[in-house]
C-alpha atoms as a PDB file:
ATOM      1  CA  UNK A   1      68.725 235.209 154.749  1.00  0.00           C
ATOM      2  CA  UNK A   2      69.309 238.185 152.616  1.00  0.00           C
ATOM      3  CA  UNK A   3      67.026 239.595 149.655  1.00  0.00           C
ATOM      4  CA  UNK A   4      68.528 238.090 147.236  1.00  0.00           C
ATOM      5  CA  UNK A   5      68.170 234.484 148.987  1.00  0.00           C
ATOM      6  CA  UNK A   6      71.782 234.274 149.131  1.00  0.00           C
ATOM      7  CA  UNK A   7      73.320 232.342 152.290  1.00  0.00           C
ATOM      8  CA  UNK A   8      75.477 234.108 154.650  1.00  0.00           C
ATOM      9  CA  UNK A   9      79.280 233.821 155.229  1.00  0.00           C
ATOM     10  CA  UNK A  10      81.053 234.171 158.738  1.00  0.00           C
ATOM     11  CA  UNK A  11      84.814 234.421 159.425  1.00  0.00           C
ATOM     12  CA  UNK A  12      85.707 232.985 162.752  1.00  0.00           C
ATOM     13  CA  UNK A  13      88.784 234.440 164.173  1.00  0.00           C
ATOM     14  CA  UNK A  14      90.367 232.100 167.061  1.00  0.00           C
ATOM     15  CA  UNK A  15      93.642 230.738 167.485  1.00  0.00           C
ATOM     16  CA  UNK A  16      93.112 227.817 169.777  1.00  0.00           C
ATOM     17  CA  UNK A  17      91.960 224.803 167.589  1.00  0.00           C
ATOM     18  CA  UNK A  18      89.962 223.297 170.086  1.00  0.00           C
ATOM     19  CA  UNK A  19      87.613 225.997 170.411  1.00  0.00           C
ATOM     20  CA  UNK A  20      88.138 226.804 166.604  1.00  0.00           C
ATOM     21  CA  UNK A  21      86.469 223.664 166.665  1.00  0.00           C
ATOM     22  CA  UNK A  22      83.312 224.095 168.724  1.00  0.00           C
ATOM     23  CA  UNK A  23      82.528 227.454 167.535  1.00  0.00           C
ATOM     24  CA  UNK A  24      82.627 226.254 164.158  1.00  0.00           C
ATOM     25  CA  UNK A  25      80.363 223.566 164.681  1.00  0.00           C
ATOM     26  CA  UNK A  26      77.903 225.712 166.834  1.00  0.00           C
ATOM     27  CA  UNK A  27      77.783 228.335 164.127  1.00  0.00           C
ATOM     28  CA  UNK A  28      76.710 225.455 161.549  1.00  0.00           C
ATOM     29  CA  UNK A  29      74.416 223.706 163.885  1.00  0.00           C
ATOM     30  CA  UNK A  30      72.470 227.117 165.247  1.00  0.00           C
ATOM     31  CA  UNK A  31      71.343 228.211 162.077  1.00  0.00           C
ATOM     32  CA  UNK A  32      70.906 226.999 158.587  1.00  0.00           C
ATOM     33  CA  UNK A  33      72.022 230.593 157.277  1.00  0.00           C
ATOM     34  CA  UNK A  34      75.302 230.203 157.780  1.00  0.00           C
ATOM     35  CA  UNK A  35      76.702 229.144 154.095  1.00  0.00           C
ATOM     36  CA  UNK A  36      80.519 228.768 155.377  1.00  0.00           C
ATOM     37  CA  UNK A  37      82.805 229.320 158.343  1.00  0.00           C
ATOM     38  CA  UNK A  38      86.119 230.435 157.164  1.00  0.00           C
ATOM     39  CA  UNK A  39      88.617 230.185 160.070  1.00  0.00           C
ATOM     40  CA  UNK A  40      91.685 232.414 160.597  1.00  0.00           C
ATOM     41  CA  UNK A  41      93.994 231.867 163.521  1.00  0.00           C
ATOM     42  CA  UNK A  42      95.463 235.266 163.495  1.00  0.00           C
ATOM     43  CA  UNK A  43      95.230 239.150 162.827  1.00  0.00           C
ATOM     44  CA  UNK A  44      97.276 238.660 159.760  1.00  0.00           C
ATOM     45  CA  UNK A  45      95.229 235.378 158.453  1.00  0.00           C
ATOM     46  CA  UNK A  46      91.980 237.920 159.333  1.00  0.00           C
ATOM     47  CA  UNK A  47      92.904 240.567 157.569  1.00  0.00           C
ATOM     48  CA  UNK A  48      94.866 238.564 154.462  1.00  0.00           C
ATOM     49  CA  UNK A  49      91.383 237.024 153.960  1.00  0.00           C
ATOM     50  CA  UNK A  50      89.297 239.858 154.452  1.00  0.00           C
ATOM     51  CA  UNK A  51      91.438 241.768 151.712  1.00  0.00           C
ATOM     52  CA  UNK A  52      89.961 239.528 149.194  1.00  0.00           C
ATOM     53  CA  UNK A  53      86.676 241.488 149.514  1.00  0.00           C
ATOM     54  CA  UNK A  54      85.128 238.356 149.967  1.00  0.00           C
ATOM     55  CA  UNK A  55      80.582 238.476 150.551  1.00  0.00           C
ATOM     56  CA  UNK A  56      80.651 238.279 154.182  1.00  0.00           C
ATOM     57  CA  UNK A  57      77.668 238.408 156.891  1.00  0.00           C
ATOM     58  CA  UNK A  58      79.665 238.178 160.352  1.00  0.00           C
ATOM     59  CA  UNK A  59      82.893 238.155 162.150  1.00  0.00           C
ATOM     60  CA  UNK A  60      83.402 235.915 165.679  1.00  0.00           C
ATOM     61  CA  UNK A  61      86.016 237.457 166.914  1.00  0.00           C
ATOM     62  CA  UNK A  62      88.387 236.362 169.815  1.00  0.00           C
ATOM     63  CA  UNK A  63      90.160 239.187 171.459  1.00  0.00           C
ATOM     64  CA  UNK A  64      93.369 237.313 172.529  1.00  0.00           C
ATOM     65  CA  UNK A  65      95.327 236.462 169.416  1.00  0.00           C
ATOM     66  CA  UNK A  66      98.819 235.937 169.014  1.00  0.00           C
ATOM     67  CA  UNK A  67      99.479 238.890 167.223  1.00  0.00           C
ATOM     68  CA  UNK A  68      97.421 241.278 168.671  1.00  0.00           C
ATOM     69  CA  UNK A  69      94.431 242.185 170.224  1.00  0.00           C
ATOM     70  CA  UNK A  70      91.154 241.543 168.288  1.00  0.00           C
ATOM     71  CA  UNK A  71      90.086 244.929 169.005  1.00  0.00           C
ATOM     72  CA  UNK A  72      92.162 245.950 166.285  1.00  0.00           C
ATOM     73  CA  UNK A  73      90.509 243.953 163.526  1.00  0.00           C
ATOM     74  CA  UNK A  74      87.087 245.283 165.148  1.00  0.00           C
ATOM     75  CA  UNK A  75      88.425 248.889 164.352  1.00  0.00           C
ATOM     76  CA  UNK A  76      89.380 247.699 160.734  1.00  0.00           C
ATOM     77  CA  UNK A  77      85.839 246.270 160.139  1.00  0.00           C
ATOM     78  CA  UNK A  78      84.221 249.615 161.234  1.00  0.00           C
ATOM     79  CA  UNK A  79      86.235 251.936 158.860  1.00  0.00           C
ATOM     80  CA  UNK A  80      86.571 249.100 156.112  1.00  0.00           C
ATOM     81  CA  UNK A  81      83.472 246.657 156.103  1.00  0.00           C
ATOM     82  CA  UNK A  82      80.826 248.498 158.029  1.00  0.00           C
ATOM     83  CA  UNK A  83      78.294 246.253 157.052  1.00  0.00           C
ATOM     84  CA  UNK A  84      79.575 243.323 158.783  1.00  0.00           C
ATOM     85  CA  UNK A  85      78.198 242.317 161.854  1.00  0.00           C
ATOM     86  CA  UNK A  86      81.021 240.992 164.723  1.00  0.00           C
ATOM     87  CA  UNK A  87      80.124 239.615 167.750  1.00  0.00           C
ATOM     88  CA  UNK A  88      83.148 238.784 170.356  1.00  0.00           C
ATOM     89  CA  UNK A  89      83.423 235.703 172.045  1.00  0.00           C
ATOM     90  CA  UNK A  90      86.334 235.823 174.498  1.00  0.00           C
ATOM     91  CA  UNK A  91      87.336 234.462 178.079  1.00  0.00           C
ATOM     92  CA  UNK A  92      87.576 237.867 179.152  1.00  0.00           C
ATOM     93  CA  UNK A  93      84.765 239.464 181.137  1.00  0.00           C
ATOM     94  CA  UNK A  94      86.251 242.667 182.685  1.00  0.00           C
ATOM     95  CA  UNK A  95      83.797 245.407 181.928  1.00  0.00           C
ATOM     96  CA  UNK A  96      86.035 247.823 180.509  1.00  0.00           C
ATOM     97  CA  UNK A  97      87.194 245.430 177.937  1.00  0.00           C
ATOM     98  CA  UNK A  98      83.642 244.825 176.896  1.00  0.00           C
ATOM     99  CA  UNK A  99      82.899 248.505 176.965  1.00  0.00           C
ATOM    100  CA  UNK A 100      85.742 248.826 174.369  1.00  0.00           C
ATOM    101  CA  UNK A 101      84.683 246.292 172.155  1.00  0.00           C
ATOM    102  CA  UNK A 102      81.054 247.500 172.549  1.00  0.00           C
ATOM    103  CA  UNK A 103      82.105 250.946 171.871  1.00  0.00           C
ATOM    104  CA  UNK A 104      84.393 249.771 169.067  1.00  0.00           C
ATOM    105  CA  UNK A 105      81.239 248.043 167.075  1.00  0.00           C
ATOM    106  CA  UNK A 106      80.576 244.889 168.140  1.00  0.00           C
ATOM    107  CA  UNK A 107      76.946 243.555 167.967  1.00  0.00           C
ATOM    108  CA  UNK A 108      77.431 241.617 170.958  1.00  0.00           C
ATOM    109  CA  UNK A 109      79.806 240.024 173.879  1.00  0.00           C
ATOM    110  CA  UNK A 110      79.750 236.500 174.636  1.00  0.00           C
ATOM    111  CA  UNK A 111      82.019 234.327 177.111  1.00  0.00           C
ATOM    112  CA  UNK A 112      83.241 230.902 176.270  1.00  0.00           C
ATOM    113  CA  UNK A 113      82.451 229.717 179.517  1.00  0.00           C
ATOM    114  CA  UNK A 114      78.972 229.081 178.277  1.00  0.00           C
ATOM    115  CA  UNK A 115      77.701 225.747 177.618  1.00  0.00           C
ATOM    116  CA  UNK A 116      76.659 224.670 173.607  1.00  0.00           C
ATOM    117  CA  UNK A 117      73.229 225.474 174.162  1.00  0.00           C
ATOM    118  CA  UNK A 118      73.777 228.997 175.387  1.00  0.00           C
ATOM    119  CA  UNK A 119      76.396 229.949 172.769  1.00  0.00           C
ATOM    120  CA  UNK A 120      74.320 227.932 170.013  1.00  0.00           C
ATOM    121  CA  UNK A 121      71.476 230.255 170.626  1.00  0.00           C
ATOM    122  CA  UNK A 122      73.258 233.388 171.224  1.00  0.00           C
ATOM    123  CA  UNK A 123      75.319 232.823 168.353  1.00  0.00           C
ATOM    124  CA  UNK A 124      71.940 232.001 166.127  1.00  0.00           C
ATOM    125  CA  UNK A 125      70.358 235.126 166.929  1.00  0.00           C
ATOM    126  CA  UNK A 126      73.319 237.504 165.262  1.00  0.00           C
ATOM    127  CA  UNK A 127      71.546 235.842 161.922  1.00  0.00           C
ATOM    128  CA  UNK A 128      68.197 237.434 163.019  1.00  0.00           C
ATOM    129  CA  UNK A 129      69.721 240.791 164.034  1.00  0.00           C
ATOM    130  CA  UNK A 130      70.171 240.152 167.412  1.00  0.00           C
ATOM    131  CA  UNK A 131      73.027 241.770 169.498  1.00  0.00           C
ATOM    132  CA  UNK A 132      73.528 239.097 172.254  1.00  0.00           C
ATOM    133  CA  UNK A 133      75.586 240.312 175.600  1.00  0.00           C
ATOM    134  CA  UNK A 134      76.356 237.674 178.048  1.00  0.00           C
ATOM    135  CA  UNK A 135      73.646 238.045 181.097  1.00  0.00           C
ATOM    136  CA  UNK A 136      76.722 238.097 183.390  1.00  0.00           C
ATOM    137  CA  UNK A 137      78.790 240.718 181.219  1.00  0.00           C
ATOM    138  CA  UNK A 138      75.318 242.748 181.068  1.00  0.00           C
ATOM    139  CA  UNK A 139      75.200 242.630 184.972  1.00  0.00           C
ATOM    140  CA  UNK A 140      78.756 243.925 185.379  1.00  0.00           C
ATOM    141  CA  UNK A 141      77.655 246.815 182.513  1.00  0.00           C
ATOM    142  CA  UNK A 142      74.508 247.999 184.511  1.00  0.00           C
ATOM    143  CA  UNK A 143      76.877 248.320 187.779  1.00  0.00           C
ATOM    144  CA  UNK A 144      79.005 251.094 185.667  1.00  0.00           C
ATOM    145  CA  UNK A 145      76.148 253.052 184.829  1.00  0.00           C
ATOM    146  CA  UNK A 146      76.132 256.432 187.211  1.00  0.00           C
ATOM    147  CA  UNK A 147      73.619 256.588 190.061  1.00  0.00           C
ATOM    148  CA  UNK A 148      70.529 258.786 188.961  1.00  0.00           C
ATOM    149  CA  UNK A 149      71.210 262.354 190.234  1.00  0.00           C
ATOM    150  CA  UNK A 150      68.730 265.217 191.015  1.00  0.00           C
ATOM    151  CA  UNK A 151      71.130 267.898 189.368  1.00  0.00           C
ATOM    152  CA  UNK A 152      70.271 267.611 185.523  1.00  0.00           C
ATOM    153  CA  UNK A 153      70.706 270.929 184.005  1.00  0.00           C
ATOM    154  CA  UNK A 154      74.440 270.928 183.593  1.00  0.00           C
ATOM    155  CA  UNK A 155      74.167 267.718 181.367  1.00  0.00           C
ATOM    156  CA  UNK A 156      71.242 268.787 179.312  1.00  0.00           C
ATOM    157  CA  UNK A 157      73.073 271.272 176.893  1.00  0.00           C
ATOM    158  CA  UNK A 158      75.508 268.632 175.914  1.00  0.00           C
ATOM    159  CA  UNK A 159      72.582 266.877 174.204  1.00  0.00           C
ATOM    160  CA  UNK A 160      73.455 265.302 171.000  1.00  0.00           C
ATOM    161  CA  UNK A 161      71.814 266.395 167.789  1.00  0.00           C
ATOM    162  CA  UNK A 162      68.154 264.849 168.181  1.00  0.00           C
ATOM    163  CA  UNK A 163      67.406 262.373 165.456  1.00  0.00           C
ATOM    164  CA  UNK A 164      64.743 262.503 163.017  1.00  0.00           C
ATOM    165  CA  UNK A 165      61.322 261.203 163.150  1.00  0.00           C
ATOM    166  CA  UNK A 166      62.721 258.672 160.547  1.00  0.00           C
ATOM    167  CA  UNK A 167      65.824 257.763 162.180  1.00  0.00           C
ATOM    168  CA  UNK A 168      63.768 257.253 165.171  1.00  0.00           C
ATOM    169  CA  UNK A 169      61.124 254.656 163.258  1.00  0.00           C
ATOM    170  CA  UNK A 170      64.217 252.851 162.079  1.00  0.00           C
ATOM    171  CA  UNK A 171      65.891 252.723 165.539  1.00  0.00           C
ATOM    172  CA  UNK A 172      62.360 251.518 167.149  1.00  0.00           C
ATOM    173  CA  UNK A 173      63.470 248.587 164.786  1.00  0.00           C
ATOM    174  CA  UNK A 174      66.709 247.959 165.277  1.00  0.00           C
ATOM    175  CA  UNK A 175      65.519 247.919 169.404  1.00  0.00           C
ATOM    176  CA  UNK A 176      63.339 245.047 168.260  1.00  0.00           C
ATOM    177  CA  UNK A 177      66.223 242.858 167.214  1.00  0.00           C
ATOM    178  CA  UNK A 178      65.656 243.345 163.289  1.00  0.00           C
ATOM    179  CA  UNK A 179      68.517 243.474 160.689  1.00  0.00           C
ATOM    180  CA  UNK A 180      68.895 246.087 158.122  1.00  0.00           C
ATOM    181  CA  UNK A 181      67.509 243.787 155.312  1.00  0.00           C
ATOM    182  CA  UNK A 182      64.442 243.388 157.935  1.00  0.00           C
ATOM    183  CA  UNK A 183      63.910 246.640 158.352  1.00  0.00           C
ATOM    184  CA  UNK A 184      64.359 247.973 154.403  1.00  0.00           C
ATOM    185  CA  UNK A 185      61.395 245.063 153.875  1.00  0.00           C
ATOM    186  CA  UNK A 186      59.250 246.172 156.632  1.00  0.00           C
ATOM    187  CA  UNK A 187      59.406 250.211 155.503  1.00  0.00           C
ATOM    188  CA  UNK A 188      59.678 249.851 151.579  1.00  0.00           C
ATOM    189  CA  UNK A 189      63.351 251.029 151.685  1.00  0.00           C
ATOM    190  CA  UNK A 190      66.653 249.513 150.069  1.00  0.00           C
ATOM    191  CA  UNK A 191      69.147 248.167 152.624  1.00  0.00           C
ATOM    192  CA  UNK A 192      71.760 250.724 151.470  1.00  0.00           C
ATOM    193  CA  UNK A 193      69.026 253.096 152.719  1.00  0.00           C
ATOM    194  CA  UNK A 194      68.635 251.942 156.072  1.00  0.00           C
ATOM    195  CA  UNK A 195      72.327 251.447 156.373  1.00  0.00           C
ATOM    196  CA  UNK A 196      72.739 255.185 155.240  1.00  0.00           C
ATOM    197  CA  UNK A 197      70.022 256.079 158.172  1.00  0.00           C
ATOM    198  CA  UNK A 198      72.035 253.906 160.746  1.00  0.00           C
ATOM    199  CA  UNK A 199      75.105 255.529 160.077  1.00  0.00           C
ATOM    200  CA  UNK A 200      73.584 259.103 160.465  1.00  0.00           C
ATOM    201  CA  UNK A 201      72.117 257.577 164.041  1.00  0.00           C
ATOM    202  CA  UNK A 202      75.793 256.351 164.900  1.00  0.00           C
ATOM    203  CA  UNK A 203      77.169 259.910 164.003  1.00  0.00           C
ATOM    204  CA  UNK A 204      74.576 261.999 165.869  1.00  0.00           C
ATOM    205  CA  UNK A 205      74.889 259.452 169.109  1.00  0.00           C
ATOM    206  CA  UNK A 206      78.620 259.454 168.974  1.00  0.00           C
ATOM    207  CA  UNK A 207      78.416 255.413 169.209  1.00  0.00           C
ATOM    208  CA  UNK A 208      79.654 252.872 166.556  1.00  0.00           C
ATOM    209  CA  UNK A 209      77.553 249.765 167.160  1.00  0.00           C
ATOM    210  CA  UNK A 210      73.452 248.893 167.361  1.00  0.00           C
ATOM    211  CA  UNK A 211      73.338 248.192 170.694  1.00  0.00           C
ATOM    212  CA  UNK A 212      75.254 251.346 171.964  1.00  0.00           C
ATOM    213  CA  UNK A 213      72.745 253.225 169.633  1.00  0.00           C
ATOM    214  CA  UNK A 214      70.043 251.844 171.337  1.00  0.00           C
ATOM    215  CA  UNK A 215      71.136 252.349 174.663  1.00  0.00           C
ATOM    216  CA  UNK A 216      72.281 256.015 173.988  1.00  0.00           C
ATOM    217  CA  UNK A 217      68.751 256.685 172.531  1.00  0.00           C
ATOM    218  CA  UNK A 218      67.016 255.485 175.863  1.00  0.00           C
ATOM    219  CA  UNK A 219      69.565 257.491 177.853  1.00  0.00           C
ATOM    220  CA  UNK A 220      67.660 260.177 176.146  1.00  0.00           C
ATOM    221  CA  UNK A 221      64.643 259.555 176.099  1.00  0.00           C
ATOM    222  CA  UNK A 222      64.381 259.193 172.303  1.00  0.00           C
ATOM    223  CA  UNK A 223      63.110 255.484 172.625  1.00  0.00           C
ATOM    224  CA  UNK A 224      60.785 254.021 175.235  1.00  0.00           C
END
């Protein structure tokens, strides 16, 4: 729950009526922090609802929509509503699609084929600042990592601008699954200040999500 004690709202973007009912029930059952679940069956409906600037914490997004790809809405959210967490729940498990979603700013990627208990737990973790990745998807992503190479001198000069000690401290909290609000409370700062720091981290690491930032920082040895 946010600092003001307000309950949080979720937008579910899914075109299949049966899956709409299933995911809406799982979202409402998984946590008492969700005040309402608004359902949109297309990109157009989602954009129309978002254009009204309602208070929003999470978007649960399918990629295959009748009027386009959910990746389009993900890009729009990163530009216009960067404070909103977005998790993809899709039937697609192709590693390249998953990478496109995570690089585009998704904080998690889940598969519809999982049973209700698995999906409920994963969706509930988002409200706590988690970044859930389906185990099958995670294994596929690990397979894409390049093998270690003894020749590193050509790579080292391309290392991004180092993050500051304060940014490192915040990123450690992010890696532990804490939300911006929780980090702000721990450090005695405002949520807007934490958001400013995280945007700076994203910029320096050339990433678009919390998961990607932690992954990149670990690759550069900035997080243990």
